[in-house]
N, C-alpha and C. Protein backbone atom coordinates (compact mmCIF):
# COMPACT_ATOMS: atom_id res chain seq x y z
N MET A 1 0.84 -1.19 0.00
CA MET A 1 0.00 0.00 0.00
C MET A 1 0.88 1.25 0.00
N ILE A 2 0.32 2.38 -0.48
CA ILE A 2 1.06 3.63 -0.55
C ILE A 2 0.55 4.58 0.53
N VAL A 3 1.48 5.15 1.29
CA VAL A 3 1.18 6.12 2.32
C VAL A 3 1.90 7.42 2.00
N ARG A 4 1.20 8.54 2.10
CA ARG A 4 1.82 9.85 1.87
C ARG A 4 2.35 10.41 3.19
N VAL A 5 3.58 10.91 3.16
CA VAL A 5 4.22 11.47 4.36
C VAL A 5 4.44 12.96 4.14
N ARG A 6 3.81 13.79 4.98
CA ARG A 6 4.00 15.23 4.92
C ARG A 6 5.18 15.63 5.80
N LEU A 7 6.02 16.54 5.29
CA LEU A 7 7.22 16.98 6.01
C LEU A 7 7.19 18.49 6.16
N PHE A 8 7.74 18.98 7.28
CA PHE A 8 7.70 20.41 7.56
C PHE A 8 9.07 20.89 8.05
N ALA A 9 9.29 22.20 7.86
CA ALA A 9 10.47 22.88 8.38
C ALA A 9 11.77 22.17 7.98
N VAL A 10 12.62 21.84 8.96
CA VAL A 10 13.93 21.26 8.64
C VAL A 10 13.80 19.91 7.94
N LEU A 11 12.76 19.15 8.25
CA LEU A 11 12.56 17.86 7.56
C LEU A 11 12.27 18.09 6.08
N ARG A 12 11.44 19.07 5.78
CA ARG A 12 11.13 19.38 4.38
C ARG A 12 12.39 19.84 3.65
N GLU A 13 13.16 20.71 4.30
CA GLU A 13 14.38 21.19 3.65
C GLU A 13 15.36 20.05 3.39
N ARG A 14 15.53 19.17 4.38
CA ARG A 14 16.48 18.09 4.23
C ARG A 14 16.07 17.11 3.12
N ALA A 15 14.75 16.85 3.02
CA ALA A 15 14.26 15.92 2.00
C ALA A 15 14.14 16.58 0.63
N GLY A 16 14.09 17.93 0.61
CA GLY A 16 13.93 18.62 -0.66
C GLY A 16 12.53 18.52 -1.22
N SER A 17 11.56 18.19 -0.36
CA SER A 17 10.19 18.02 -0.82
C SER A 17 9.24 18.12 0.37
N GLU A 18 8.03 18.62 0.14
CA GLU A 18 7.04 18.70 1.20
C GLU A 18 6.36 17.37 1.47
N GLU A 19 6.50 16.44 0.54
CA GLU A 19 5.78 15.18 0.66
C GLU A 19 6.55 14.06 -0.02
N VAL A 20 6.55 12.90 0.62
CA VAL A 20 7.14 11.71 0.01
C VAL A 20 6.13 10.58 0.11
N GLU A 21 6.27 9.60 -0.76
CA GLU A 21 5.40 8.44 -0.73
C GLU A 21 6.19 7.22 -0.27
N LEU A 22 5.56 6.43 0.58
CA LEU A 22 6.17 5.19 1.05
C LEU A 22 5.31 4.01 0.62
N GLU A 23 5.97 2.95 0.21
CA GLU A 23 5.26 1.71 -0.08
C GLU A 23 5.49 0.77 1.09
N LEU A 24 4.40 0.45 1.78
CA LEU A 24 4.47 -0.37 2.98
C LEU A 24 3.54 -1.57 2.85
N GLY A 25 3.82 -2.59 3.64
CA GLY A 25 2.98 -3.77 3.63
C GLY A 25 1.67 -3.55 4.37
N GLU A 26 0.68 -4.36 4.10
CA GLU A 26 -0.59 -4.27 4.80
C GLU A 26 -0.38 -4.44 6.32
N GLY A 27 -1.10 -3.65 7.10
CA GLY A 27 -0.97 -3.72 8.54
C GLY A 27 0.21 -2.95 9.10
N ALA A 28 0.92 -2.20 8.25
CA ALA A 28 2.07 -1.43 8.71
C ALA A 28 1.63 -0.34 9.68
N THR A 29 2.51 0.01 10.60
CA THR A 29 2.23 1.03 11.61
C THR A 29 3.08 2.27 11.35
N VAL A 30 2.82 3.30 12.16
CA VAL A 30 3.63 4.51 12.09
C VAL A 30 5.10 4.19 12.34
N ALA A 31 5.36 3.27 13.27
CA ALA A 31 6.75 2.86 13.55
C ALA A 31 7.41 2.28 12.30
N ASP A 32 6.66 1.49 11.53
CA ASP A 32 7.21 0.92 10.29
C ASP A 32 7.53 2.02 9.28
N ALA A 33 6.65 3.02 9.21
CA ALA A 33 6.89 4.13 8.28
C ALA A 33 8.14 4.90 8.69
N LEU A 34 8.31 5.14 9.99
CA LEU A 34 9.49 5.85 10.47
C LEU A 34 10.76 5.06 10.19
N ALA A 35 10.69 3.76 10.39
CA ALA A 35 11.86 2.91 10.11
C ALA A 35 12.23 2.99 8.65
N SER A 36 11.24 3.02 7.78
CA SER A 36 11.51 3.14 6.35
C SER A 36 12.14 4.49 6.02
N LEU A 37 11.62 5.56 6.63
CA LEU A 37 12.17 6.89 6.39
C LEU A 37 13.60 7.02 6.90
N GLU A 38 13.90 6.33 8.00
CA GLU A 38 15.25 6.42 8.55
C GLU A 38 16.29 5.79 7.65
N GLU A 39 15.84 4.99 6.68
CA GLU A 39 16.76 4.41 5.71
C GLU A 39 17.07 5.37 4.57
N THR A 40 16.33 6.50 4.53
CA THR A 40 16.56 7.51 3.51
C THR A 40 17.77 8.35 3.92
N PRO A 41 18.80 8.43 3.08
CA PRO A 41 20.03 9.14 3.46
C PRO A 41 19.79 10.57 3.93
N SER A 42 18.88 11.29 3.30
CA SER A 42 18.67 12.69 3.64
C SER A 42 17.92 12.88 4.95
N LEU A 43 17.20 11.86 5.42
CA LEU A 43 16.38 12.00 6.62
C LEU A 43 16.83 11.12 7.78
N GLY A 44 17.55 10.05 7.48
CA GLY A 44 17.86 9.06 8.50
C GLY A 44 18.53 9.61 9.74
N GLU A 45 19.62 10.32 9.56
CA GLU A 45 20.38 10.82 10.72
C GLU A 45 19.56 11.84 11.51
N LEU A 46 18.78 12.67 10.80
CA LEU A 46 17.99 13.70 11.46
C LEU A 46 16.88 13.07 12.30
N LEU A 47 16.20 12.08 11.77
CA LEU A 47 15.11 11.45 12.50
C LEU A 47 15.60 10.66 13.71
N GLU A 48 16.82 10.18 13.65
CA GLU A 48 17.37 9.43 14.79
C GLU A 48 17.60 10.31 16.01
N ARG A 49 17.86 11.59 15.80
CA ARG A 49 18.19 12.48 16.93
C ARG A 49 17.11 13.51 17.23
N MET A 50 16.14 13.67 16.32
CA MET A 50 15.12 14.70 16.53
C MET A 50 13.79 14.08 16.94
N PRO A 51 13.24 14.46 18.09
CA PRO A 51 11.90 13.98 18.44
C PRO A 51 10.86 14.64 17.55
N VAL A 52 9.92 13.89 17.04
CA VAL A 52 8.86 14.44 16.21
C VAL A 52 7.51 13.96 16.72
N ALA A 53 6.51 14.81 16.56
CA ALA A 53 5.13 14.38 16.80
C ALA A 53 4.60 13.80 15.49
N MET A 54 3.66 12.86 15.60
CA MET A 54 3.09 12.22 14.43
C MET A 54 1.59 12.46 14.39
N ALA A 55 1.06 12.63 13.18
CA ALA A 55 -0.38 12.75 13.00
C ALA A 55 -0.78 11.92 11.78
N VAL A 56 -1.85 11.17 11.91
CA VAL A 56 -2.37 10.37 10.80
C VAL A 56 -3.74 10.94 10.43
N ASN A 57 -3.84 11.37 9.19
CA ASN A 57 -5.08 11.99 8.70
C ASN A 57 -5.53 13.12 9.62
N ARG A 58 -4.52 13.92 10.04
CA ARG A 58 -4.72 15.15 10.81
C ARG A 58 -5.19 14.92 12.24
N GLU A 59 -4.93 13.74 12.78
CA GLU A 59 -5.18 13.47 14.19
C GLU A 59 -3.89 12.92 14.79
N TYR A 60 -3.54 13.38 16.00
CA TYR A 60 -2.32 12.92 16.62
C TYR A 60 -2.32 11.40 16.75
N ALA A 61 -1.16 10.81 16.55
CA ALA A 61 -1.01 9.37 16.58
C ALA A 61 0.28 9.01 17.30
N ASP A 62 0.43 7.74 17.64
CA ASP A 62 1.69 7.28 18.21
C ASP A 62 2.28 6.21 17.31
N SER A 63 3.41 5.66 17.71
CA SER A 63 4.14 4.74 16.84
C SER A 63 3.38 3.45 16.56
N SER A 64 2.41 3.11 17.41
CA SER A 64 1.67 1.85 17.21
C SER A 64 0.45 2.01 16.31
N THR A 65 0.13 3.24 15.91
CA THR A 65 -1.05 3.47 15.09
C THR A 65 -0.92 2.77 13.74
N GLU A 66 -1.94 2.01 13.36
CA GLU A 66 -1.90 1.27 12.09
C GLU A 66 -2.28 2.19 10.94
N LEU A 67 -1.60 2.01 9.83
CA LEU A 67 -1.82 2.83 8.64
C LEU A 67 -2.62 2.05 7.60
N GLY A 68 -3.33 2.79 6.76
CA GLY A 68 -4.09 2.19 5.69
C GLY A 68 -3.72 2.80 4.35
N PRO A 69 -4.13 2.19 3.24
CA PRO A 69 -3.82 2.73 1.91
C PRO A 69 -4.30 4.16 1.76
N GLY A 70 -3.42 5.03 1.26
CA GLY A 70 -3.79 6.41 1.02
C GLY A 70 -3.75 7.31 2.24
N ASP A 71 -3.38 6.77 3.40
CA ASP A 71 -3.32 7.59 4.61
C ASP A 71 -2.26 8.68 4.47
N GLU A 72 -2.49 9.79 5.18
CA GLU A 72 -1.50 10.87 5.25
C GLU A 72 -0.85 10.84 6.63
N LEU A 73 0.44 10.62 6.65
CA LEU A 73 1.23 10.66 7.88
C LEU A 73 2.02 11.95 7.89
N ALA A 74 1.79 12.79 8.91
CA ALA A 74 2.52 14.05 9.03
C ALA A 74 3.55 13.92 10.14
N LEU A 75 4.77 14.35 9.86
CA LEU A 75 5.83 14.39 10.87
C LEU A 75 6.05 15.84 11.28
N ILE A 76 5.87 16.12 12.57
CA ILE A 76 5.86 17.49 13.05
C ILE A 76 7.07 17.71 13.95
N PRO A 77 8.10 18.40 13.47
CA PRO A 77 9.28 18.62 14.30
C PRO A 77 8.98 19.63 15.40
N PRO A 78 9.82 19.66 16.46
CA PRO A 78 9.62 20.65 17.52
C PRO A 78 9.63 22.06 16.95
N VAL A 79 8.75 22.90 17.46
CA VAL A 79 8.67 24.27 16.99
C VAL A 79 9.91 25.04 17.41
N SER A 80 10.61 25.62 16.45
CA SER A 80 11.83 26.40 16.71
C SER A 80 12.79 25.63 17.61
N GLY A 81 13.00 24.35 17.31
CA GLY A 81 13.92 23.55 18.10
C GLY A 81 13.36 23.15 19.44
N GLY A 82 12.05 23.33 19.66
CA GLY A 82 11.41 22.90 20.90
C GLY A 82 10.89 24.06 21.72
N ALA A 83 11.43 25.26 21.54
CA ALA A 83 10.99 26.39 22.36
C ALA A 83 9.63 26.86 21.89
N GLY A 84 8.78 27.27 22.85
CA GLY A 84 7.50 27.82 22.46
C GLY A 84 6.37 27.35 23.33
N ILE A 85 5.16 27.77 22.94
CA ILE A 85 3.94 27.48 23.68
C ILE A 85 2.98 26.77 22.73
N HIS A 86 2.30 25.77 23.25
CA HIS A 86 1.28 25.06 22.46
C HIS A 86 0.07 24.82 23.34
N VAL A 87 -1.12 25.15 22.80
CA VAL A 87 -2.38 24.91 23.51
C VAL A 87 -3.39 24.34 22.52
N ARG A 88 -4.13 23.34 22.95
CA ARG A 88 -5.21 22.80 22.12
C ARG A 88 -6.35 22.35 23.04
N ILE A 89 -7.58 22.72 22.65
CA ILE A 89 -8.78 22.31 23.37
C ILE A 89 -9.75 21.73 22.36
N GLY A 90 -10.19 20.50 22.56
CA GLY A 90 -11.10 19.89 21.60
C GLY A 90 -11.45 18.47 21.96
N PRO A 91 -12.27 17.81 21.15
CA PRO A 91 -12.77 16.47 21.49
C PRO A 91 -11.82 15.33 21.16
N GLU A 92 -10.72 15.61 20.46
CA GLU A 92 -9.83 14.54 20.02
C GLU A 92 -9.08 13.91 21.20
N PRO A 93 -8.85 12.59 21.15
CA PRO A 93 -8.05 11.92 22.19
C PRO A 93 -6.66 12.55 22.30
N LEU A 94 -6.08 12.52 23.48
CA LEU A 94 -4.79 13.14 23.73
C LEU A 94 -3.66 12.13 23.62
N SER A 95 -2.50 12.61 23.18
CA SER A 95 -1.32 11.75 23.03
C SER A 95 -0.18 12.27 23.89
N LEU A 96 0.22 11.50 24.88
CA LEU A 96 1.35 11.85 25.73
C LEU A 96 2.62 11.98 24.89
N GLU A 97 2.83 11.01 24.01
CA GLU A 97 4.05 10.99 23.20
C GLU A 97 4.15 12.24 22.32
N ALA A 98 3.02 12.64 21.71
CA ALA A 98 3.04 13.80 20.83
C ALA A 98 3.31 15.08 21.59
N LEU A 99 2.71 15.22 22.77
CA LEU A 99 2.90 16.46 23.53
C LEU A 99 4.31 16.54 24.11
N ALA A 100 4.85 15.41 24.55
CA ALA A 100 6.22 15.40 25.05
C ALA A 100 7.19 15.81 23.94
N ALA A 101 6.93 15.34 22.72
CA ALA A 101 7.79 15.70 21.59
C ALA A 101 7.74 17.19 21.30
N ARG A 102 6.60 17.81 21.53
CA ARG A 102 6.47 19.24 21.25
C ARG A 102 7.36 20.11 22.13
N VAL A 103 7.67 19.65 23.34
CA VAL A 103 8.48 20.48 24.25
C VAL A 103 9.94 20.04 24.29
N ALA A 104 10.27 19.01 23.54
CA ALA A 104 11.65 18.54 23.54
C ALA A 104 12.59 19.62 22.98
N SER A 105 13.78 19.70 23.53
CA SER A 105 14.74 20.70 23.10
C SER A 105 16.15 20.23 23.44
N PRO A 106 17.13 20.51 22.57
CA PRO A 106 18.52 20.15 22.89
C PRO A 106 19.02 20.79 24.18
N ALA A 107 18.39 21.91 24.57
CA ALA A 107 18.82 22.60 25.80
C ALA A 107 18.13 22.07 27.05
N ALA A 108 17.17 21.17 26.87
CA ALA A 108 16.39 20.68 28.01
C ALA A 108 16.98 19.39 28.57
N GLY A 109 17.27 19.42 29.87
CA GLY A 109 17.74 18.21 30.53
C GLY A 109 16.62 17.48 31.24
N ALA A 110 15.42 18.08 31.25
CA ALA A 110 14.29 17.46 31.94
C ALA A 110 13.00 17.79 31.21
N VAL A 111 12.15 16.78 31.06
CA VAL A 111 10.79 16.95 30.53
C VAL A 111 9.84 16.32 31.55
N VAL A 112 8.87 17.11 32.00
CA VAL A 112 7.87 16.62 32.95
C VAL A 112 6.50 16.68 32.29
N VAL A 113 5.76 15.57 32.36
CA VAL A 113 4.44 15.49 31.76
C VAL A 113 3.42 15.08 32.82
N PHE A 114 2.32 15.79 32.89
CA PHE A 114 1.23 15.45 33.80
C PHE A 114 0.01 15.02 32.98
N LEU A 115 -0.62 13.90 33.36
CA LEU A 115 -1.86 13.45 32.74
C LEU A 115 -2.95 13.41 33.79
N GLY A 116 -4.09 14.00 33.49
CA GLY A 116 -5.27 13.86 34.33
C GLY A 116 -6.21 12.88 33.65
N VAL A 117 -6.58 11.80 34.31
CA VAL A 117 -7.39 10.75 33.68
C VAL A 117 -8.70 10.56 34.44
N THR A 118 -9.70 10.05 33.71
CA THR A 118 -10.99 9.74 34.33
C THR A 118 -10.82 8.55 35.27
N ARG A 119 -11.38 8.68 36.48
CA ARG A 119 -11.29 7.60 37.46
C ARG A 119 -12.64 7.43 38.16
N GLU A 120 -12.90 6.24 38.60
CA GLU A 120 -14.02 5.88 39.48
C GLU A 120 -15.41 5.99 38.85
N VAL A 121 -15.59 6.80 37.81
CA VAL A 121 -16.90 6.92 37.18
C VAL A 121 -16.82 6.42 35.74
N SER A 122 -18.00 6.20 35.13
CA SER A 122 -18.05 5.66 33.78
C SER A 122 -17.42 6.61 32.76
N ARG A 123 -17.70 7.92 32.93
CA ARG A 123 -17.09 8.90 32.03
C ARG A 123 -17.19 10.28 32.65
N LEU A 124 -16.41 11.20 32.10
CA LEU A 124 -16.51 12.61 32.44
C LEU A 124 -16.91 13.37 31.19
N ASP A 125 -17.84 14.28 31.33
CA ASP A 125 -18.24 15.15 30.22
C ASP A 125 -17.68 16.54 30.48
N TYR A 126 -16.92 17.07 29.52
CA TYR A 126 -16.31 18.39 29.67
C TYR A 126 -16.94 19.39 28.70
N GLU A 127 -17.16 20.57 29.21
CA GLU A 127 -17.64 21.68 28.40
C GLU A 127 -16.70 22.85 28.61
N ALA A 128 -16.35 23.55 27.52
CA ALA A 128 -15.38 24.65 27.64
C ALA A 128 -15.87 25.88 26.90
N TYR A 129 -15.55 27.03 27.46
CA TYR A 129 -15.69 28.30 26.75
C TYR A 129 -14.36 28.47 26.01
N ARG A 130 -14.27 27.85 24.83
CA ARG A 130 -12.98 27.69 24.16
C ARG A 130 -12.34 29.03 23.82
N GLU A 131 -13.15 30.01 23.40
CA GLU A 131 -12.59 31.30 23.00
C GLU A 131 -11.89 32.01 24.16
N MET A 132 -12.28 31.68 25.37
CA MET A 132 -11.64 32.27 26.55
C MET A 132 -10.63 31.32 27.17
N ALA A 133 -10.94 30.03 27.17
CA ALA A 133 -10.06 29.05 27.81
C ALA A 133 -8.71 28.95 27.10
N GLY A 134 -8.72 28.98 25.76
CA GLY A 134 -7.47 28.87 25.03
C GLY A 134 -6.49 29.98 25.36
N PRO A 135 -6.89 31.25 25.22
CA PRO A 135 -5.98 32.35 25.59
C PRO A 135 -5.58 32.34 27.06
N ARG A 136 -6.50 31.91 27.96
CA ARG A 136 -6.16 31.87 29.38
C ARG A 136 -5.07 30.85 29.65
N ILE A 137 -5.20 29.67 29.04
CA ILE A 137 -4.18 28.63 29.23
C ILE A 137 -2.85 29.07 28.60
N GLU A 138 -2.92 29.71 27.44
CA GLU A 138 -1.69 30.20 26.81
C GLU A 138 -0.98 31.20 27.71
N ALA A 139 -1.73 32.10 28.32
CA ALA A 139 -1.13 33.08 29.22
C ALA A 139 -0.50 32.40 30.43
N ILE A 140 -1.17 31.39 30.97
CA ILE A 140 -0.63 30.64 32.11
C ILE A 140 0.71 30.00 31.74
N LEU A 141 0.76 29.39 30.57
CA LEU A 141 2.01 28.74 30.15
C LEU A 141 3.12 29.75 29.91
N ARG A 142 2.79 30.88 29.28
CA ARG A 142 3.82 31.90 29.03
C ARG A 142 4.38 32.44 30.34
N GLU A 143 3.51 32.68 31.31
CA GLU A 143 3.98 33.17 32.60
C GLU A 143 4.85 32.11 33.30
N GLY A 144 4.49 30.84 33.14
CA GLY A 144 5.29 29.77 33.73
C GLY A 144 6.66 29.67 33.09
N VAL A 145 6.72 29.85 31.77
CA VAL A 145 8.00 29.81 31.07
C VAL A 145 8.92 30.91 31.60
N GLU A 146 8.37 32.11 31.77
CA GLU A 146 9.18 33.22 32.26
C GLU A 146 9.59 33.02 33.73
N ARG A 147 8.65 32.57 34.56
CA ARG A 147 8.92 32.47 36.00
C ARG A 147 9.92 31.38 36.32
N HIS A 148 9.83 30.24 35.62
CA HIS A 148 10.66 29.09 35.94
C HIS A 148 11.79 28.85 34.94
N GLY A 149 11.93 29.72 33.95
CA GLY A 149 12.99 29.55 32.97
C GLY A 149 12.82 28.29 32.14
N LEU A 150 11.59 27.98 31.75
CA LEU A 150 11.33 26.77 30.97
C LEU A 150 11.78 26.94 29.52
N GLU A 151 12.11 25.84 28.89
CA GLU A 151 12.43 25.86 27.47
C GLU A 151 11.15 25.92 26.64
N ALA A 152 10.12 25.19 27.05
CA ALA A 152 8.86 25.15 26.32
C ALA A 152 7.78 24.62 27.24
N ALA A 153 6.52 24.88 26.86
CA ALA A 153 5.39 24.40 27.65
C ALA A 153 4.21 24.14 26.72
N ALA A 154 3.44 23.09 27.00
CA ALA A 154 2.31 22.73 26.16
C ALA A 154 1.20 22.16 27.04
N ALA A 155 -0.04 22.39 26.62
CA ALA A 155 -1.19 21.85 27.34
C ALA A 155 -2.30 21.55 26.35
N GLU A 156 -2.96 20.43 26.56
CA GLU A 156 -4.12 20.06 25.76
C GLU A 156 -5.22 19.57 26.69
N HIS A 157 -6.46 19.95 26.39
CA HIS A 157 -7.60 19.55 27.23
C HIS A 157 -8.72 19.06 26.32
N ARG A 158 -9.30 17.94 26.69
CA ARG A 158 -10.40 17.40 25.91
C ARG A 158 -11.72 18.05 26.29
N THR A 159 -12.64 18.08 25.33
CA THR A 159 -14.03 18.43 25.57
C THR A 159 -14.89 17.23 25.18
N GLY A 160 -16.14 17.27 25.59
CA GLY A 160 -17.01 16.13 25.30
C GLY A 160 -16.78 15.02 26.31
N SER A 161 -17.11 13.79 25.91
CA SER A 161 -17.05 12.65 26.82
C SER A 161 -15.66 12.04 26.84
N VAL A 162 -15.16 11.78 28.05
CA VAL A 162 -13.86 11.14 28.25
C VAL A 162 -14.09 9.88 29.09
N PRO A 163 -13.98 8.69 28.48
CA PRO A 163 -14.28 7.45 29.20
C PRO A 163 -13.29 7.15 30.32
N LEU A 164 -13.68 6.23 31.18
CA LEU A 164 -12.85 5.78 32.29
C LEU A 164 -11.47 5.36 31.79
N GLY A 165 -10.42 5.88 32.45
CA GLY A 165 -9.05 5.50 32.13
C GLY A 165 -8.39 6.33 31.04
N GLU A 166 -9.15 7.19 30.34
CA GLU A 166 -8.55 8.01 29.29
C GLU A 166 -8.17 9.39 29.84
N ALA A 167 -7.20 10.03 29.17
CA ALA A 167 -6.70 11.33 29.62
C ALA A 167 -7.64 12.44 29.20
N SER A 168 -7.93 13.35 30.14
CA SER A 168 -8.74 14.52 29.84
C SER A 168 -7.88 15.77 29.68
N VAL A 169 -6.71 15.79 30.31
CA VAL A 169 -5.81 16.94 30.21
C VAL A 169 -4.37 16.44 30.30
N ILE A 170 -3.52 17.07 29.51
CA ILE A 170 -2.08 16.79 29.57
C ILE A 170 -1.34 18.11 29.58
N VAL A 171 -0.37 18.22 30.48
CA VAL A 171 0.54 19.36 30.51
C VAL A 171 1.96 18.82 30.37
N ALA A 172 2.75 19.41 29.51
CA ALA A 172 4.14 19.00 29.33
C ALA A 172 5.03 20.24 29.33
N VAL A 173 6.13 20.18 30.06
CA VAL A 173 7.09 21.28 30.07
C VAL A 173 8.50 20.71 29.98
N SER A 174 9.42 21.53 29.48
CA SER A 174 10.83 21.15 29.47
C SER A 174 11.65 22.27 30.07
N ALA A 175 12.76 21.89 30.68
CA ALA A 175 13.64 22.87 31.32
C ALA A 175 15.06 22.30 31.38
N GLY A 176 15.98 23.15 31.72
CA GLY A 176 17.36 22.70 31.82
C GLY A 176 17.56 21.71 32.95
N HIS A 177 16.80 21.86 34.04
CA HIS A 177 16.96 21.01 35.22
C HIS A 177 15.60 20.56 35.73
N ARG A 178 15.58 19.47 36.49
CA ARG A 178 14.32 18.87 36.92
C ARG A 178 13.54 19.76 37.89
N GLU A 179 14.24 20.53 38.74
CA GLU A 179 13.53 21.36 39.70
C GLU A 179 12.61 22.35 38.98
N GLU A 180 13.14 23.02 37.97
CA GLU A 180 12.34 23.98 37.22
C GLU A 180 11.21 23.30 36.46
N ALA A 181 11.50 22.11 35.89
CA ALA A 181 10.48 21.40 35.13
C ALA A 181 9.31 20.96 36.02
N PHE A 182 9.63 20.37 37.20
CA PHE A 182 8.58 19.95 38.12
C PHE A 182 7.75 21.15 38.58
N ALA A 183 8.42 22.23 38.95
CA ALA A 183 7.72 23.41 39.45
C ALA A 183 6.83 24.01 38.36
N GLY A 184 7.34 24.08 37.14
CA GLY A 184 6.57 24.65 36.05
C GLY A 184 5.34 23.82 35.71
N ALA A 185 5.50 22.49 35.69
CA ALA A 185 4.37 21.62 35.38
C ALA A 185 3.30 21.70 36.47
N ARG A 186 3.73 21.69 37.73
CA ARG A 186 2.78 21.76 38.85
C ARG A 186 1.99 23.07 38.81
N GLU A 187 2.70 24.17 38.61
CA GLU A 187 2.02 25.46 38.57
C GLU A 187 1.03 25.52 37.41
N ALA A 188 1.44 25.00 36.25
CA ALA A 188 0.58 25.07 35.07
C ALA A 188 -0.73 24.31 35.28
N ILE A 189 -0.67 23.07 35.76
CA ILE A 189 -1.90 22.30 35.91
C ILE A 189 -2.77 22.88 37.02
N ASP A 190 -2.16 23.36 38.11
CA ASP A 190 -2.94 23.95 39.20
C ASP A 190 -3.68 25.20 38.72
N ARG A 191 -3.02 26.02 37.93
CA ARG A 191 -3.66 27.25 37.47
C ARG A 191 -4.70 26.97 36.39
N ILE A 192 -4.43 26.01 35.53
CA ILE A 192 -5.42 25.64 34.51
C ILE A 192 -6.71 25.18 35.17
N LYS A 193 -6.57 24.34 36.21
CA LYS A 193 -7.74 23.85 36.93
C LYS A 193 -8.51 24.99 37.59
N ALA A 194 -7.79 25.99 38.09
CA ALA A 194 -8.42 27.07 38.83
C ALA A 194 -8.93 28.20 37.95
N GLU A 195 -8.31 28.44 36.79
CA GLU A 195 -8.58 29.66 36.04
C GLU A 195 -9.24 29.46 34.69
N ALA A 196 -9.07 28.32 34.05
CA ALA A 196 -9.62 28.13 32.71
C ALA A 196 -11.11 27.79 32.79
N PRO A 197 -11.96 28.44 32.01
CA PRO A 197 -13.41 28.17 32.06
C PRO A 197 -13.76 26.85 31.36
N ILE A 198 -13.57 25.78 32.09
CA ILE A 198 -13.87 24.43 31.62
C ILE A 198 -14.64 23.73 32.74
N TRP A 199 -15.77 23.10 32.38
CA TRP A 199 -16.63 22.50 33.38
C TRP A 199 -16.68 20.98 33.20
N LYS A 200 -16.89 20.30 34.32
CA LYS A 200 -16.85 18.83 34.31
C LYS A 200 -18.12 18.25 34.92
N ARG A 201 -18.65 17.23 34.25
CA ARG A 201 -19.80 16.50 34.77
C ARG A 201 -19.44 15.03 34.90
N GLU A 202 -19.66 14.45 36.07
CA GLU A 202 -19.42 13.04 36.30
C GLU A 202 -20.66 12.24 35.90
N VAL A 203 -20.45 11.15 35.16
CA VAL A 203 -21.55 10.29 34.73
C VAL A 203 -21.28 8.87 35.19
N GLU A 204 -22.19 8.32 36.01
CA GLU A 204 -22.06 6.96 36.52
C GLU A 204 -22.54 5.95 35.48
N SER A 205 -22.23 4.67 35.72
CA SER A 205 -22.62 3.62 34.79
C SER A 205 -24.13 3.50 34.63
N ASP A 206 -24.90 3.92 35.65
CA ASP A 206 -26.36 3.86 35.56
C ASP A 206 -26.96 5.11 34.95
N GLY A 207 -26.10 6.02 34.48
CA GLY A 207 -26.58 7.25 33.84
C GLY A 207 -26.72 8.42 34.76
N THR A 208 -26.60 8.21 36.06
CA THR A 208 -26.66 9.32 37.02
C THR A 208 -25.52 10.30 36.74
N ALA A 209 -25.83 11.58 36.72
CA ALA A 209 -24.82 12.59 36.37
C ALA A 209 -24.91 13.78 37.31
N ARG A 210 -23.78 14.42 37.55
CA ARG A 210 -23.75 15.65 38.35
C ARG A 210 -22.58 16.52 37.94
N TRP A 211 -22.82 17.82 37.90
CA TRP A 211 -21.76 18.77 37.65
C TRP A 211 -20.94 18.95 38.91
N ILE A 212 -19.62 19.07 38.75
CA ILE A 212 -18.71 19.18 39.88
C ILE A 212 -18.43 20.65 40.18
N GLU A 213 -18.66 21.05 41.43
CA GLU A 213 -18.36 22.42 41.83
C GLU A 213 -16.89 22.55 42.19
N GLY A 214 -16.40 23.78 42.09
CA GLY A 214 -15.00 24.02 42.41
C GLY A 214 -14.81 25.41 42.97
N ALA A 215 -13.64 25.97 42.73
CA ALA A 215 -13.30 27.29 43.27
C ALA A 215 -13.95 28.40 42.46
N ASP A 216 -14.13 29.56 43.11
CA ASP A 216 -14.62 30.72 42.39
C ASP A 216 -13.62 31.11 41.31
N PRO A 217 -14.11 31.56 40.14
CA PRO A 217 -13.21 32.04 39.10
C PRO A 217 -12.56 33.33 39.52
N PRO A 218 -11.41 33.69 38.89
CA PRO A 218 -10.77 34.95 39.22
C PRO A 218 -11.65 36.13 38.84
N GLY A 219 -11.55 37.22 39.56
CA GLY A 219 -12.34 38.41 39.25
C GLY A 219 -13.69 38.38 39.96
N ARG A 220 -14.48 39.40 39.72
CA ARG A 220 -15.77 39.53 40.40
C ARG A 220 -16.80 38.60 39.77
N VAL A 221 -17.54 37.87 40.60
CA VAL A 221 -18.59 36.97 40.11
C VAL A 221 -19.82 37.13 40.99
N GLU A 222 -20.97 36.72 40.46
CA GLU A 222 -22.19 36.74 41.24
C GLU A 222 -22.14 35.61 42.27
N GLU A 223 -22.81 35.79 43.38
CA GLU A 223 -22.84 34.77 44.41
C GLU A 223 -23.38 33.47 43.84
N GLY A 224 -22.69 32.39 44.14
CA GLY A 224 -23.14 31.07 43.67
C GLY A 224 -22.50 30.64 42.38
N ALA A 225 -21.87 31.57 41.64
CA ALA A 225 -21.21 31.17 40.39
C ALA A 225 -19.93 30.43 40.72
N ARG A 226 -19.67 29.34 40.02
CA ARG A 226 -18.51 28.52 40.32
C ARG A 226 -17.84 28.02 39.05
N TRP A 227 -16.50 27.87 39.11
CA TRP A 227 -15.80 27.05 38.14
C TRP A 227 -15.89 25.61 38.65
N THR A 228 -15.61 24.67 37.80
CA THR A 228 -15.53 23.29 38.29
C THR A 228 -14.09 22.93 38.57
N SER A 229 -13.89 21.99 39.45
CA SER A 229 -12.56 21.37 39.60
C SER A 229 -12.42 20.34 38.53
N ARG A 230 -11.18 20.00 38.20
CA ARG A 230 -10.94 19.01 37.17
C ARG A 230 -9.98 17.97 37.67
N SER A 231 -9.98 16.80 37.01
CA SER A 231 -9.11 15.71 37.45
C SER A 231 -7.67 16.10 37.30
């Protein structure tokens, strides 16, 4: 089968093309595609030392994701060598591997990743004021980068239904040393939970559901208005 591979930034320059085609056997995975690309003289050495995020048909994927005929595999190198801020809010499943790759940097000696997962209930339903939550989370990450001297920071939060055992939020940061990385990650998730307008409803296996109350949002609010706490 033929799979199209999209390349960006330094990968595109090294290959001399925005896209290459790979011929792979049926049942091949993203890992098989990467192994094939590593045999390409122009890309092999670069892929061995550069962490990349992967997306299949525009959804984040990991190395075990199976490919099909005509699929588009995108290889996403770290932004500006890993430095920067990344925020995403939406219904798509989250990938620890992809987010960790986004904050990787040659200057980083430590990468800390936090996952919040659904526990004890059948599912969690999340609702977000995305137009406000996105900029708020971005500001939180930027302030954390400055305060703790981080190399990069990223956060993704799901909306909609998140089944038992799946991740609802991931925060990843990188820094020169572990102390800064741990402090930056802890501050980021604590502030996201307290400040981002995202609400959570617990749903039991019998269909019983309840919205979870939490701390008051920052700024002036009417009595009784609440943000929700999050996992």
